[in-house]
């Protein structure tokens, strides 16, 4: 059946940017920490992720956001680095080590593409689908997507740290609607977060699919896919 969607909008981190290896990011961080004299395994870092997500949620509620400006995004990344270092028992020169991690993040060291991304984008492009990116991310998102070789697939980019508000704020989704020129029922949003992506898109009437690569959300309140490649079935 042919889809009524004329545009597909993607989240970036965890949707386009990431690794097929569930511990891939943790392995990168472990190597970066080792360079700074902080010994930790990927498994040790991974074990901290549930606590990190919960503390990050509380912090975001307390201060009102995570990446609404470049400065706020930087402070958030530094907070994550400090949290991990301190919870790994690294107490010496934590600020300097966190700053070094941020600089490596800002330089694009920790970015990679999921293997299903480029084939899916190529297929959607051949079908004439308008594509864009909407992400809570640092100002250098477009540069990173260029480094990864996929910038040219997208007609536009809406980045929280450049527009002053972040998902799930309805205003940032309305910016997407304006840029596409399509009514909400003809726009599909694809992301990996229920709170930011699914609930945010649903509030403004967009179609939404949750990308759940590692089967974390079996009770998701929307359609769920395990790979971006499954999107192609909508446009066959």
N, C-alpha and C. Protein backbone atom coordinates (compact mmCIF):
# COMPACT_ATOMS: atom_id res chain seq x y z
N UNK A 1 0.85 -1.19 0.00
CA UNK A 1 0.00 0.00 0.00
C UNK A 1 0.88 1.24 0.00
N UNK A 2 0.53 2.22 -0.80
CA UNK A 2 1.32 3.44 -0.89
C UNK A 2 1.05 4.33 0.30
N UNK A 3 2.11 4.88 0.89
CA UNK A 3 1.97 5.75 2.04
C UNK A 3 1.46 7.12 1.62
N UNK A 4 0.73 7.77 2.54
CA UNK A 4 0.30 9.14 2.32
C UNK A 4 1.36 10.15 2.74
N UNK A 5 2.45 9.67 3.35
CA UNK A 5 3.49 10.57 3.83
C UNK A 5 4.29 11.14 2.66
N UNK A 6 4.48 12.46 2.71
CA UNK A 6 5.29 13.14 1.70
C UNK A 6 6.67 13.53 2.23
N UNK A 7 6.81 13.52 3.54
CA UNK A 7 8.09 13.91 4.17
C UNK A 7 8.38 12.99 5.33
N UNK A 8 9.65 12.66 5.50
CA UNK A 8 10.12 11.88 6.64
C UNK A 8 11.19 12.69 7.36
N UNK A 9 10.98 12.91 8.65
CA UNK A 9 11.90 13.71 9.45
C UNK A 9 12.57 12.78 10.47
N UNK A 10 13.87 12.91 10.59
CA UNK A 10 14.64 12.01 11.46
C UNK A 10 15.25 12.74 12.64
N UNK A 11 15.21 12.09 13.78
CA UNK A 11 16.08 12.45 14.91
C UNK A 11 17.52 12.12 14.48
N UNK A 12 18.50 12.64 15.22
CA UNK A 12 19.90 12.37 14.86
C UNK A 12 20.52 11.31 15.78
N UNK A 13 20.88 11.69 17.01
CA UNK A 13 21.54 10.76 17.91
C UNK A 13 20.66 9.58 18.28
N UNK A 14 21.15 8.37 18.08
CA UNK A 14 20.39 7.17 18.37
C UNK A 14 19.50 6.71 17.24
N UNK A 15 19.34 7.56 16.25
CA UNK A 15 18.50 7.23 15.09
C UNK A 15 19.36 7.13 13.83
N UNK A 16 20.09 8.20 13.54
CA UNK A 16 21.04 8.20 12.43
C UNK A 16 22.45 7.94 12.94
N UNK A 17 22.83 8.65 13.98
CA UNK A 17 24.18 8.59 14.54
C UNK A 17 24.23 7.54 15.65
N UNK A 18 25.10 6.57 15.49
CA UNK A 18 25.24 5.53 16.50
C UNK A 18 25.93 4.32 15.92
N UNK A 19 25.93 3.24 16.66
CA UNK A 19 26.63 2.03 16.24
C UNK A 19 25.75 0.80 16.40
N UNK A 20 25.88 -0.14 15.48
CA UNK A 20 25.13 -1.39 15.58
C UNK A 20 25.50 -2.16 16.85
N UNK A 21 26.74 -2.06 17.27
CA UNK A 21 27.20 -2.69 18.50
C UNK A 21 26.55 -1.98 19.69
N UNK A 22 25.75 -2.68 20.51
CA UNK A 22 25.09 -2.01 21.64
C UNK A 22 26.05 -1.36 22.63
N UNK A 23 27.30 -1.83 22.65
CA UNK A 23 28.30 -1.25 23.55
C UNK A 23 29.31 -0.39 22.80
N UNK A 24 29.01 -0.05 21.56
CA UNK A 24 29.98 0.67 20.74
C UNK A 24 30.37 2.02 21.33
N UNK A 25 29.39 2.81 21.75
CA UNK A 25 29.69 4.12 22.32
C UNK A 25 30.49 3.98 23.61
N UNK A 26 30.10 3.01 24.43
CA UNK A 26 30.83 2.79 25.68
C UNK A 26 32.28 2.38 25.42
N UNK A 27 32.51 1.62 24.35
CA UNK A 27 33.89 1.25 24.01
C UNK A 27 34.70 2.49 23.61
N UNK A 28 34.07 3.39 22.86
CA UNK A 28 34.75 4.63 22.49
C UNK A 28 35.08 5.47 23.73
N UNK A 29 34.12 5.58 24.64
CA UNK A 29 34.36 6.35 25.85
C UNK A 29 35.46 5.72 26.70
N UNK A 30 35.44 4.40 26.80
CA UNK A 30 36.48 3.72 27.59
C UNK A 30 37.86 4.02 27.03
N UNK A 31 37.99 4.03 25.71
CA UNK A 31 39.28 4.33 25.08
C UNK A 31 39.68 5.78 25.35
N UNK A 32 38.70 6.69 25.27
CA UNK A 32 38.99 8.10 25.53
C UNK A 32 39.38 8.32 26.98
N UNK A 33 38.68 7.65 27.91
CA UNK A 33 39.04 7.77 29.32
C UNK A 33 40.44 7.21 29.56
N UNK A 34 40.78 6.11 28.90
CA UNK A 34 42.10 5.52 29.08
C UNK A 34 43.19 6.50 28.65
N UNK A 35 42.95 7.24 27.58
CA UNK A 35 43.91 8.24 27.12
C UNK A 35 44.16 9.31 28.18
N UNK A 36 43.15 9.51 29.04
CA UNK A 36 43.25 10.52 30.08
C UNK A 36 43.71 9.93 31.42
N UNK A 37 44.07 8.66 31.39
CA UNK A 37 44.54 8.02 32.60
C UNK A 37 43.44 7.54 33.52
N UNK A 38 42.22 7.42 32.98
CA UNK A 38 41.09 6.94 33.77
C UNK A 38 40.68 5.58 33.25
N UNK A 39 40.99 4.54 33.99
CA UNK A 39 40.74 3.19 33.54
C UNK A 39 39.29 2.78 33.79
N UNK A 40 38.62 2.30 32.73
CA UNK A 40 37.25 1.81 32.85
C UNK A 40 36.96 0.92 31.65
N UNK A 41 36.15 -0.11 31.86
CA UNK A 41 35.74 -0.96 30.75
C UNK A 41 34.43 -0.47 30.18
N UNK A 42 34.14 -0.90 28.96
CA UNK A 42 32.86 -0.56 28.34
C UNK A 42 31.71 -1.08 29.17
N UNK A 43 31.88 -2.26 29.73
CA UNK A 43 30.82 -2.86 30.55
C UNK A 43 30.57 -2.03 31.82
N UNK A 44 31.63 -1.52 32.41
CA UNK A 44 31.46 -0.68 33.61
C UNK A 44 30.72 0.60 33.26
N UNK A 45 31.07 1.20 32.15
CA UNK A 45 30.37 2.42 31.71
C UNK A 45 28.91 2.10 31.40
N UNK A 46 28.68 1.00 30.72
CA UNK A 46 27.31 0.61 30.36
C UNK A 46 26.45 0.40 31.60
N UNK A 47 27.03 -0.14 32.65
CA UNK A 47 26.27 -0.41 33.87
C UNK A 47 25.79 0.88 34.53
N UNK A 48 26.44 1.99 34.21
CA UNK A 48 26.05 3.29 34.78
C UNK A 48 24.96 3.98 33.98
N UNK A 49 24.65 3.49 32.80
CA UNK A 49 23.73 4.21 31.92
C UNK A 49 22.31 4.38 32.48
N UNK A 50 21.72 3.36 33.14
CA UNK A 50 20.39 3.60 33.72
C UNK A 50 20.40 4.73 34.75
N UNK A 51 21.41 4.73 35.62
CA UNK A 51 21.52 5.80 36.62
C UNK A 51 21.77 7.14 35.93
N UNK A 52 22.60 7.15 34.90
CA UNK A 52 22.87 8.39 34.16
C UNK A 52 21.59 8.94 33.55
N UNK A 53 20.81 8.08 32.91
CA UNK A 53 19.56 8.55 32.27
C UNK A 53 18.60 9.13 33.31
N UNK A 54 18.50 8.49 34.47
CA UNK A 54 17.60 8.98 35.49
C UNK A 54 18.07 10.32 36.06
N UNK A 55 19.36 10.42 36.34
CA UNK A 55 19.89 11.68 36.86
C UNK A 55 19.83 12.79 35.82
N UNK A 56 20.02 12.43 34.56
CA UNK A 56 19.91 13.42 33.48
C UNK A 56 18.48 13.92 33.37
N UNK A 57 17.51 13.02 33.52
CA UNK A 57 16.10 13.42 33.47
C UNK A 57 15.80 14.42 34.59
N UNK A 58 16.28 14.13 35.81
CA UNK A 58 16.04 15.03 36.94
C UNK A 58 16.71 16.39 36.70
N UNK A 59 17.92 16.35 36.18
CA UNK A 59 18.63 17.60 35.92
C UNK A 59 17.90 18.43 34.88
N UNK A 60 17.42 17.78 33.84
CA UNK A 60 16.71 18.48 32.78
C UNK A 60 15.43 19.12 33.31
N UNK A 61 14.70 18.41 34.15
CA UNK A 61 13.49 18.97 34.76
C UNK A 61 13.82 20.16 35.65
N UNK A 62 14.93 20.05 36.36
CA UNK A 62 15.31 21.10 37.31
C UNK A 62 15.69 22.39 36.60
N UNK A 63 16.46 22.28 35.50
CA UNK A 63 16.93 23.50 34.84
C UNK A 63 16.09 23.88 33.63
N UNK A 64 15.18 22.98 33.23
CA UNK A 64 14.25 23.33 32.16
C UNK A 64 14.64 22.90 30.77
N UNK A 65 15.82 22.34 30.60
CA UNK A 65 16.22 21.93 29.26
C UNK A 65 17.58 21.26 29.28
N UNK A 66 18.02 20.87 28.08
CA UNK A 66 19.28 20.15 27.92
C UNK A 66 20.16 20.77 26.84
N UNK A 67 19.54 21.20 25.77
CA UNK A 67 20.35 21.68 24.63
C UNK A 67 19.65 22.81 23.88
N UNK A 68 19.09 23.77 24.62
CA UNK A 68 18.38 24.87 23.97
C UNK A 68 19.32 25.93 23.40
N UNK A 69 20.54 25.95 23.88
CA UNK A 69 21.57 26.86 23.37
C UNK A 69 22.89 26.11 23.29
N UNK A 70 23.85 26.69 22.59
CA UNK A 70 25.16 26.06 22.50
C UNK A 70 25.79 25.92 23.88
N UNK A 71 25.66 26.95 24.72
CA UNK A 71 26.25 26.90 26.06
C UNK A 71 25.57 25.83 26.91
N UNK A 72 24.24 25.73 26.80
CA UNK A 72 23.53 24.72 27.58
C UNK A 72 23.93 23.32 27.14
N UNK A 73 24.07 23.12 25.85
CA UNK A 73 24.50 21.82 25.33
C UNK A 73 25.89 21.47 25.85
N UNK A 74 26.79 22.44 25.84
CA UNK A 74 28.15 22.18 26.33
C UNK A 74 28.13 21.83 27.81
N UNK A 75 27.37 22.58 28.60
CA UNK A 75 27.29 22.27 30.03
C UNK A 75 26.72 20.88 30.26
N UNK A 76 25.77 20.47 29.42
CA UNK A 76 25.16 19.14 29.56
C UNK A 76 26.17 18.04 29.27
N UNK A 77 26.95 18.21 28.20
CA UNK A 77 27.97 17.21 27.86
C UNK A 77 29.03 17.14 28.95
N UNK A 78 29.43 18.29 29.47
CA UNK A 78 30.41 18.30 30.56
C UNK A 78 29.84 17.60 31.80
N UNK A 79 28.55 17.82 32.06
CA UNK A 79 27.92 17.17 33.20
C UNK A 79 27.94 15.65 33.04
N UNK A 80 27.64 15.16 31.84
CA UNK A 80 27.67 13.72 31.58
C UNK A 80 29.07 13.16 31.81
N UNK A 81 30.07 13.84 31.28
CA UNK A 81 31.45 13.37 31.44
C UNK A 81 31.84 13.34 32.91
N UNK A 82 31.50 14.39 33.66
CA UNK A 82 31.82 14.42 35.10
C UNK A 82 31.09 13.30 35.84
N UNK A 83 29.82 13.12 35.51
CA UNK A 83 29.04 12.08 36.17
C UNK A 83 29.69 10.71 36.00
N UNK A 84 30.05 10.38 34.76
CA UNK A 84 30.65 9.08 34.50
C UNK A 84 32.00 8.94 35.19
N UNK A 85 32.83 9.95 35.09
CA UNK A 85 34.15 9.88 35.72
C UNK A 85 34.03 9.70 37.23
N UNK A 86 33.19 10.49 37.86
CA UNK A 86 33.05 10.42 39.31
C UNK A 86 32.46 9.08 39.76
N UNK A 87 31.49 8.57 38.98
CA UNK A 87 30.88 7.30 39.35
C UNK A 87 31.77 6.11 39.02
N UNK A 88 32.81 6.35 38.24
CA UNK A 88 33.83 5.32 38.00
C UNK A 88 34.97 5.41 39.01
N UNK A 89 34.84 6.36 39.94
CA UNK A 89 35.85 6.50 40.98
C UNK A 89 37.01 7.39 40.61
N UNK A 90 36.87 8.13 39.51
CA UNK A 90 37.93 9.07 39.10
C UNK A 90 37.66 10.41 39.77
N UNK A 91 38.50 10.81 40.68
CA UNK A 91 38.26 12.03 41.45
C UNK A 91 39.33 13.10 41.23
N UNK A 92 40.39 12.74 40.53
CA UNK A 92 41.49 13.69 40.32
C UNK A 92 41.35 14.36 38.95
N UNK A 93 41.45 15.69 38.95
CA UNK A 93 41.40 16.48 37.72
C UNK A 93 40.13 16.18 36.90
N UNK A 94 39.02 16.04 37.57
CA UNK A 94 37.78 15.68 36.89
C UNK A 94 37.36 16.76 35.90
N UNK A 95 37.47 18.02 36.30
CA UNK A 95 37.06 19.11 35.41
C UNK A 95 37.89 19.12 34.13
N UNK A 96 39.19 18.93 34.27
CA UNK A 96 40.07 18.94 33.09
C UNK A 96 39.78 17.74 32.20
N UNK A 97 39.54 16.59 32.80
CA UNK A 97 39.24 15.39 32.02
C UNK A 97 37.90 15.54 31.30
N UNK A 98 36.91 16.10 31.99
CA UNK A 98 35.61 16.32 31.36
C UNK A 98 35.73 17.28 30.18
N UNK A 99 36.53 18.33 30.37
CA UNK A 99 36.74 19.30 29.28
C UNK A 99 37.40 18.64 28.09
N UNK A 100 38.34 17.74 28.34
CA UNK A 100 39.01 17.03 27.25
C UNK A 100 38.03 16.14 26.50
N UNK A 101 37.12 15.49 27.22
CA UNK A 101 36.11 14.66 26.58
C UNK A 101 35.20 15.52 25.72
N UNK A 102 34.80 16.70 26.23
CA UNK A 102 33.95 17.59 25.43
C UNK A 102 34.65 18.00 24.14
N UNK A 103 35.93 18.33 24.23
CA UNK A 103 36.65 18.76 23.03
C UNK A 103 36.68 17.64 21.99
N UNK A 104 36.81 16.41 22.42
CA UNK A 104 36.81 15.28 21.49
C UNK A 104 35.41 15.08 20.90
N UNK A 105 34.39 15.27 21.73
CA UNK A 105 33.01 15.22 21.24
C UNK A 105 32.77 16.30 20.19
N UNK A 106 33.20 17.52 20.51
CA UNK A 106 33.00 18.64 19.60
C UNK A 106 33.75 18.47 18.29
N UNK A 107 34.85 17.73 18.33
CA UNK A 107 35.64 17.49 17.12
C UNK A 107 35.05 16.38 16.26
N UNK A 108 34.00 15.73 16.74
CA UNK A 108 33.36 14.67 15.97
C UNK A 108 33.95 13.30 16.17
N UNK A 109 34.69 13.12 17.26
CA UNK A 109 35.40 11.86 17.45
C UNK A 109 34.44 10.69 17.73
N UNK A 110 33.32 10.96 18.36
CA UNK A 110 32.45 9.88 18.81
C UNK A 110 31.28 9.60 17.87
N UNK A 111 31.35 10.07 16.64
CA UNK A 111 30.22 9.89 15.74
C UNK A 111 30.48 8.74 14.76
N UNK A 112 29.42 8.05 14.43
CA UNK A 112 29.44 7.01 13.41
C UNK A 112 28.00 6.79 12.97
N UNK A 113 27.82 6.07 11.87
CA UNK A 113 26.48 5.80 11.34
C UNK A 113 26.06 4.37 11.62
N UNK A 114 24.80 4.20 11.98
CA UNK A 114 24.24 2.86 11.96
C UNK A 114 24.28 2.34 10.52
N UNK A 115 24.46 1.06 10.35
CA UNK A 115 24.66 0.49 9.01
C UNK A 115 23.42 0.59 8.12
N UNK A 116 22.24 0.76 8.71
CA UNK A 116 21.01 0.81 7.90
C UNK A 116 20.67 2.21 7.42
N UNK A 117 21.45 3.22 7.83
CA UNK A 117 21.07 4.61 7.57
C UNK A 117 21.19 4.97 6.09
N UNK A 118 22.39 4.85 5.53
CA UNK A 118 22.58 5.33 4.17
C UNK A 118 21.73 4.57 3.15
N UNK A 119 21.63 3.24 3.21
CA UNK A 119 20.76 2.55 2.25
C UNK A 119 19.31 3.02 2.33
N UNK A 120 18.83 3.29 3.56
CA UNK A 120 17.45 3.76 3.72
C UNK A 120 17.27 5.15 3.14
N UNK A 121 18.19 6.06 3.44
CA UNK A 121 18.11 7.41 2.89
C UNK A 121 18.17 7.40 1.37
N UNK A 122 19.04 6.60 0.82
CA UNK A 122 19.16 6.49 -0.63
C UNK A 122 17.85 6.00 -1.24
N UNK A 123 17.23 5.02 -0.63
CA UNK A 123 15.98 4.47 -1.14
C UNK A 123 14.85 5.49 -1.07
N UNK A 124 14.76 6.21 0.03
CA UNK A 124 13.72 7.23 0.16
C UNK A 124 13.94 8.37 -0.82
N UNK A 125 15.19 8.74 -1.03
CA UNK A 125 15.49 9.80 -1.99
C UNK A 125 15.06 9.40 -3.40
N UNK A 126 15.31 8.16 -3.78
CA UNK A 126 14.89 7.70 -5.10
C UNK A 126 13.37 7.75 -5.26
N UNK A 127 12.65 7.62 -4.17
CA UNK A 127 11.19 7.66 -4.22
C UNK A 127 10.64 9.08 -4.17
N UNK A 128 11.51 10.07 -4.10
CA UNK A 128 11.08 11.46 -4.10
C UNK A 128 10.56 11.97 -2.78
N UNK A 129 10.91 11.31 -1.68
CA UNK A 129 10.45 11.71 -0.36
C UNK A 129 11.30 12.87 0.16
N UNK A 130 10.65 13.93 0.63
CA UNK A 130 11.37 15.02 1.29
C UNK A 130 11.86 14.55 2.64
N UNK A 131 13.13 14.81 2.94
CA UNK A 131 13.69 14.38 4.21
C UNK A 131 14.33 15.56 4.95
N UNK A 132 14.19 15.55 6.25
CA UNK A 132 14.80 16.56 7.10
C UNK A 132 15.28 15.95 8.40
N UNK A 133 15.94 16.77 9.21
CA UNK A 133 16.44 16.35 10.51
C UNK A 133 15.93 17.31 11.57
N UNK A 134 15.41 16.76 12.65
CA UNK A 134 15.02 17.52 13.83
C UNK A 134 15.67 16.86 15.03
N UNK A 135 16.54 17.60 15.72
CA UNK A 135 17.31 16.96 16.79
C UNK A 135 17.64 17.93 17.91
N UNK A 136 17.62 17.40 19.13
CA UNK A 136 18.22 18.10 20.27
C UNK A 136 19.71 17.82 20.20
N UNK A 137 20.47 18.81 19.77
CA UNK A 137 21.88 18.55 19.46
C UNK A 137 22.66 19.86 19.52
N UNK A 138 23.97 19.72 19.50
CA UNK A 138 24.88 20.87 19.48
C UNK A 138 24.82 21.57 18.12
N UNK A 139 25.34 22.80 18.03
CA UNK A 139 25.26 23.55 16.78
C UNK A 139 26.00 22.92 15.61
N UNK A 140 26.91 21.98 15.89
CA UNK A 140 27.70 21.40 14.81
C UNK A 140 27.08 20.13 14.23
N UNK A 141 25.78 19.94 14.39
CA UNK A 141 25.15 18.74 13.85
C UNK A 141 25.32 18.64 12.34
N UNK A 142 25.09 19.72 11.62
CA UNK A 142 25.22 19.66 10.16
C UNK A 142 26.63 19.28 9.75
N UNK A 143 27.62 19.83 10.44
CA UNK A 143 29.00 19.46 10.14
C UNK A 143 29.21 17.96 10.36
N UNK A 144 28.67 17.44 11.46
CA UNK A 144 28.84 16.01 11.74
C UNK A 144 28.19 15.15 10.67
N UNK A 145 27.01 15.53 10.23
CA UNK A 145 26.34 14.75 9.19
C UNK A 145 27.10 14.85 7.87
N UNK A 146 27.78 15.97 7.66
CA UNK A 146 28.66 16.08 6.49
C UNK A 146 29.85 15.15 6.62
N UNK A 147 30.45 15.09 7.80
CA UNK A 147 31.58 14.18 8.03
C UNK A 147 31.17 12.73 7.81
N UNK A 148 29.92 12.42 8.13
CA UNK A 148 29.42 11.06 7.98
C UNK A 148 28.92 10.77 6.56
N UNK A 149 28.90 11.79 5.71
CA UNK A 149 28.56 11.60 4.30
C UNK A 149 27.09 11.54 3.99
N UNK A 150 26.21 12.06 4.87
CA UNK A 150 24.78 11.98 4.60
C UNK A 150 24.08 13.34 4.58
N UNK A 151 24.81 14.42 4.74
CA UNK A 151 24.21 15.76 4.78
C UNK A 151 23.35 16.03 3.54
N UNK A 152 23.80 15.58 2.39
CA UNK A 152 23.14 15.93 1.14
C UNK A 152 21.76 15.31 0.96
N UNK A 153 21.41 14.36 1.79
CA UNK A 153 20.09 13.74 1.66
C UNK A 153 18.97 14.63 2.20
N UNK A 154 19.30 15.63 3.00
CA UNK A 154 18.29 16.36 3.75
C UNK A 154 18.02 17.75 3.19
N UNK A 155 16.73 18.09 3.17
CA UNK A 155 16.31 19.40 2.66
C UNK A 155 16.49 20.49 3.71
N UNK A 156 16.46 20.12 4.98
CA UNK A 156 16.58 21.13 6.04
C UNK A 156 16.99 20.46 7.34
N UNK A 157 17.41 21.30 8.30
CA UNK A 157 17.85 20.84 9.61
C UNK A 157 17.26 21.78 10.66
N UNK A 158 16.65 21.23 11.68
CA UNK A 158 16.16 22.01 12.81
C UNK A 158 16.89 21.48 14.04
N UNK A 159 17.74 22.33 14.63
CA UNK A 159 18.64 21.91 15.71
C UNK A 159 18.33 22.74 16.95
N UNK A 160 18.07 22.08 18.05
CA UNK A 160 17.61 22.75 19.27
C UNK A 160 18.51 23.90 19.69
N UNK A 161 19.82 23.67 19.69
CA UNK A 161 20.76 24.67 20.20
C UNK A 161 20.85 25.90 19.30
N UNK A 162 20.26 25.82 18.12
CA UNK A 162 20.26 26.96 17.19
C UNK A 162 18.92 27.69 17.15
N UNK A 163 17.85 27.03 17.59
CA UNK A 163 16.53 27.67 17.52
C UNK A 163 16.00 28.10 18.88
N UNK A 164 16.63 27.65 19.98
CA UNK A 164 16.27 28.14 21.30
C UNK A 164 15.26 27.33 22.06
N UNK A 165 14.78 26.24 21.51
CA UNK A 165 13.92 25.32 22.25
C UNK A 165 14.14 23.92 21.72
N UNK A 166 13.69 22.94 22.51
CA UNK A 166 14.04 21.56 22.21
C UNK A 166 12.82 20.65 22.29
N UNK A 167 12.95 19.49 21.67
CA UNK A 167 11.92 18.48 21.82
C UNK A 167 11.75 18.13 23.31
N UNK A 168 10.53 17.91 23.77
CA UNK A 168 9.27 17.77 23.02
C UNK A 168 8.46 19.04 22.86
N UNK A 169 9.06 20.21 23.01
CA UNK A 169 8.34 21.47 22.85
C UNK A 169 7.62 21.50 21.50
N UNK A 170 6.31 21.73 21.48
CA UNK A 170 5.59 21.75 20.19
C UNK A 170 6.13 22.76 19.19
N UNK A 171 6.75 23.83 19.69
CA UNK A 171 7.25 24.86 18.77
C UNK A 171 8.31 24.33 17.81
N UNK A 172 9.13 23.41 18.29
CA UNK A 172 10.20 22.92 17.42
C UNK A 172 9.64 21.99 16.36
N UNK A 173 8.58 21.26 16.69
CA UNK A 173 7.92 20.42 15.69
C UNK A 173 7.16 21.28 14.67
N UNK A 174 6.61 22.39 15.12
CA UNK A 174 5.91 23.28 14.19
C UNK A 174 6.88 23.92 13.20
N UNK A 175 8.11 24.14 13.63
CA UNK A 175 9.12 24.63 12.69
C UNK A 175 9.32 23.64 11.55
N UNK A 176 9.34 22.36 11.89
CA UNK A 176 9.47 21.31 10.88
C UNK A 176 8.30 21.35 9.92
N UNK A 177 7.09 21.45 10.46
CA UNK A 177 5.91 21.50 9.62
C UNK A 177 5.97 22.67 8.63
N UNK A 178 6.43 23.80 9.13
CA UNK A 178 6.54 24.99 8.26
C UNK A 178 7.57 24.77 7.16
N UNK A 179 8.68 24.14 7.51
CA UNK A 179 9.74 23.94 6.53
C UNK A 179 9.33 22.94 5.44
N UNK A 180 8.56 21.92 5.80
CA UNK A 180 8.14 20.96 4.78
C UNK A 180 7.07 21.51 3.87
N UNK A 181 6.20 22.35 4.42
CA UNK A 181 5.07 22.85 3.64
C UNK A 181 3.92 21.85 3.54
N UNK A 182 4.03 20.74 4.24
CA UNK A 182 2.98 19.72 4.19
C UNK A 182 2.13 19.78 5.45
N UNK A 183 0.88 19.34 5.38
CA UNK A 183 0.06 19.22 6.59
C UNK A 183 0.61 18.11 7.48
N UNK A 184 0.31 18.16 8.78
CA UNK A 184 0.92 17.20 9.72
C UNK A 184 0.65 15.75 9.36
N UNK A 185 -0.51 15.44 8.81
CA UNK A 185 -0.82 14.05 8.51
C UNK A 185 0.02 13.49 7.35
N UNK A 186 0.74 14.37 6.64
CA UNK A 186 1.61 13.92 5.55
C UNK A 186 3.08 13.91 5.95
N UNK A 187 3.35 14.13 7.25
CA UNK A 187 4.72 14.16 7.75
C UNK A 187 4.92 13.02 8.74
N UNK A 188 5.97 12.25 8.55
CA UNK A 188 6.32 11.15 9.45
C UNK A 188 7.59 11.50 10.21
N UNK A 189 7.53 11.39 11.53
CA UNK A 189 8.71 11.63 12.35
C UNK A 189 9.23 10.30 12.88
N UNK A 190 10.55 10.11 12.81
CA UNK A 190 11.19 8.87 13.25
C UNK A 190 12.26 9.20 14.29
N UNK A 191 12.12 8.64 15.48
CA UNK A 191 13.10 8.88 16.53
C UNK A 191 13.15 7.71 17.49
N UNK A 192 14.05 7.80 18.47
CA UNK A 192 14.27 6.68 19.38
C UNK A 192 13.88 6.96 20.82
N UNK A 193 13.21 8.08 21.07
CA UNK A 193 12.79 8.45 22.43
C UNK A 193 11.27 8.57 22.49
N UNK A 194 10.67 7.93 23.49
CA UNK A 194 9.21 8.05 23.64
C UNK A 194 8.85 9.47 24.08
N UNK A 195 9.51 9.99 25.11
CA UNK A 195 9.15 11.29 25.66
C UNK A 195 9.41 12.43 24.68
N UNK A 196 10.59 12.47 24.08
CA UNK A 196 10.95 13.57 23.19
C UNK A 196 10.36 13.41 21.80
N UNK A 197 10.47 12.23 21.24
CA UNK A 197 10.12 12.02 19.83
C UNK A 197 8.66 11.63 19.64
N UNK A 198 8.26 10.55 20.27
CA UNK A 198 6.90 10.05 20.07
C UNK A 198 5.87 11.03 20.63
N UNK A 199 5.99 11.36 21.89
CA UNK A 199 4.99 12.23 22.51
C UNK A 199 5.03 13.64 21.93
N UNK A 200 6.22 14.12 21.61
CA UNK A 200 6.33 15.45 21.01
C UNK A 200 5.67 15.51 19.65
N UNK A 201 5.92 14.52 18.81
CA UNK A 201 5.33 14.51 17.47
C UNK A 201 3.82 14.31 17.54
N UNK A 202 3.37 13.46 18.43
CA UNK A 202 1.93 13.20 18.55
C UNK A 202 1.16 14.45 18.98
N UNK A 203 1.78 15.30 19.79
CA UNK A 203 1.09 16.50 20.28
C UNK A 203 0.72 17.45 19.15
N UNK A 204 1.47 17.43 18.07
CA UNK A 204 1.17 18.34 16.95
C UNK A 204 0.57 17.61 15.76
N UNK A 205 0.24 16.34 15.94
CA UNK A 205 -0.48 15.61 14.90
C UNK A 205 0.36 14.97 13.83
N UNK A 206 1.67 14.88 14.04
CA UNK A 206 2.52 14.22 13.06
C UNK A 206 2.38 12.70 13.17
N UNK A 207 2.59 12.02 12.06
CA UNK A 207 2.77 10.58 12.14
C UNK A 207 4.09 10.30 12.82
N UNK A 208 4.18 9.19 13.54
CA UNK A 208 5.43 8.91 14.26
C UNK A 208 5.67 7.41 14.32
N UNK A 209 6.93 7.05 14.18
CA UNK A 209 7.39 5.68 14.36
C UNK A 209 8.56 5.70 15.33
N UNK A 210 8.52 4.81 16.29
CA UNK A 210 9.63 4.69 17.24
C UNK A 210 10.65 3.70 16.70
N UNK A 211 11.89 4.15 16.58
CA UNK A 211 12.99 3.27 16.19
C UNK A 211 13.56 2.66 17.47
N UNK A 212 13.28 1.39 17.68
CA UNK A 212 13.68 0.70 18.91
C UNK A 212 14.67 -0.40 18.56
N UNK A 213 15.90 0.00 18.28
CA UNK A 213 16.90 -0.93 17.75
C UNK A 213 17.21 -2.09 18.70
N UNK A 214 17.16 -1.82 20.00
CA UNK A 214 17.59 -2.83 20.96
C UNK A 214 16.44 -3.31 21.84
N UNK A 215 15.20 -3.18 21.33
CA UNK A 215 14.01 -3.73 21.99
C UNK A 215 13.88 -3.24 23.42
N UNK A 216 13.99 -1.93 23.61
CA UNK A 216 13.90 -1.34 24.95
C UNK A 216 12.47 -0.96 25.32
N UNK A 217 11.58 -0.79 24.32
CA UNK A 217 10.26 -0.25 24.59
C UNK A 217 9.16 -1.12 23.99
N UNK A 218 8.98 -2.34 24.49
CA UNK A 218 7.96 -3.23 23.92
C UNK A 218 6.54 -2.71 24.05
N UNK A 219 6.30 -1.80 25.02
CA UNK A 219 4.95 -1.25 25.22
C UNK A 219 4.82 0.15 24.64
N UNK A 220 5.57 0.48 23.64
CA UNK A 220 5.55 1.82 23.05
C UNK A 220 4.15 2.17 22.54
N UNK A 221 3.73 3.43 22.73
CA UNK A 221 2.38 3.84 22.32
C UNK A 221 2.29 4.25 20.85
N UNK A 222 2.97 3.53 19.99
CA UNK A 222 2.96 3.85 18.56
C UNK A 222 3.58 2.68 17.81
N UNK A 223 3.60 2.79 16.48
CA UNK A 223 4.27 1.76 15.69
C UNK A 223 5.76 1.76 16.02
N UNK A 224 6.34 0.58 16.01
CA UNK A 224 7.74 0.40 16.41
C UNK A 224 8.47 -0.40 15.36
N UNK A 225 9.71 0.01 15.04
CA UNK A 225 10.54 -0.75 14.12
C UNK A 225 11.90 -0.99 14.76
N UNK A 226 12.58 -2.03 14.30
CA UNK A 226 13.90 -2.36 14.84
C UNK A 226 15.03 -1.89 13.94
N UNK A 227 14.69 -1.49 12.72
CA UNK A 227 15.69 -1.04 11.76
C UNK A 227 15.07 0.02 10.85
N UNK A 228 15.88 1.00 10.46
CA UNK A 228 15.38 2.01 9.53
C UNK A 228 14.97 1.39 8.21
N UNK A 229 15.57 0.26 7.86
CA UNK A 229 15.24 -0.38 6.59
C UNK A 229 13.75 -0.72 6.50
N UNK A 230 13.10 -0.91 7.65
CA UNK A 230 11.68 -1.24 7.65
C UNK A 230 10.81 -0.09 7.15
N UNK A 231 11.36 1.12 7.15
CA UNK A 231 10.61 2.27 6.63
C UNK A 231 10.25 2.10 5.17
N UNK A 232 11.12 1.45 4.42
CA UNK A 232 10.93 1.35 2.98
C UNK A 232 9.60 0.67 2.63
N UNK A 233 9.15 -0.22 3.50
CA UNK A 233 7.89 -0.92 3.25
C UNK A 233 6.71 0.05 3.16
N UNK A 234 6.81 1.19 3.84
CA UNK A 234 5.73 2.17 3.80
C UNK A 234 5.61 2.83 2.44
N UNK A 235 6.68 2.83 1.68
CA UNK A 235 6.71 3.57 0.42
C UNK A 235 6.87 2.67 -0.78
N UNK A 236 6.56 1.40 -0.62
CA UNK A 236 6.70 0.43 -1.72
C UNK A 236 5.49 0.49 -2.65
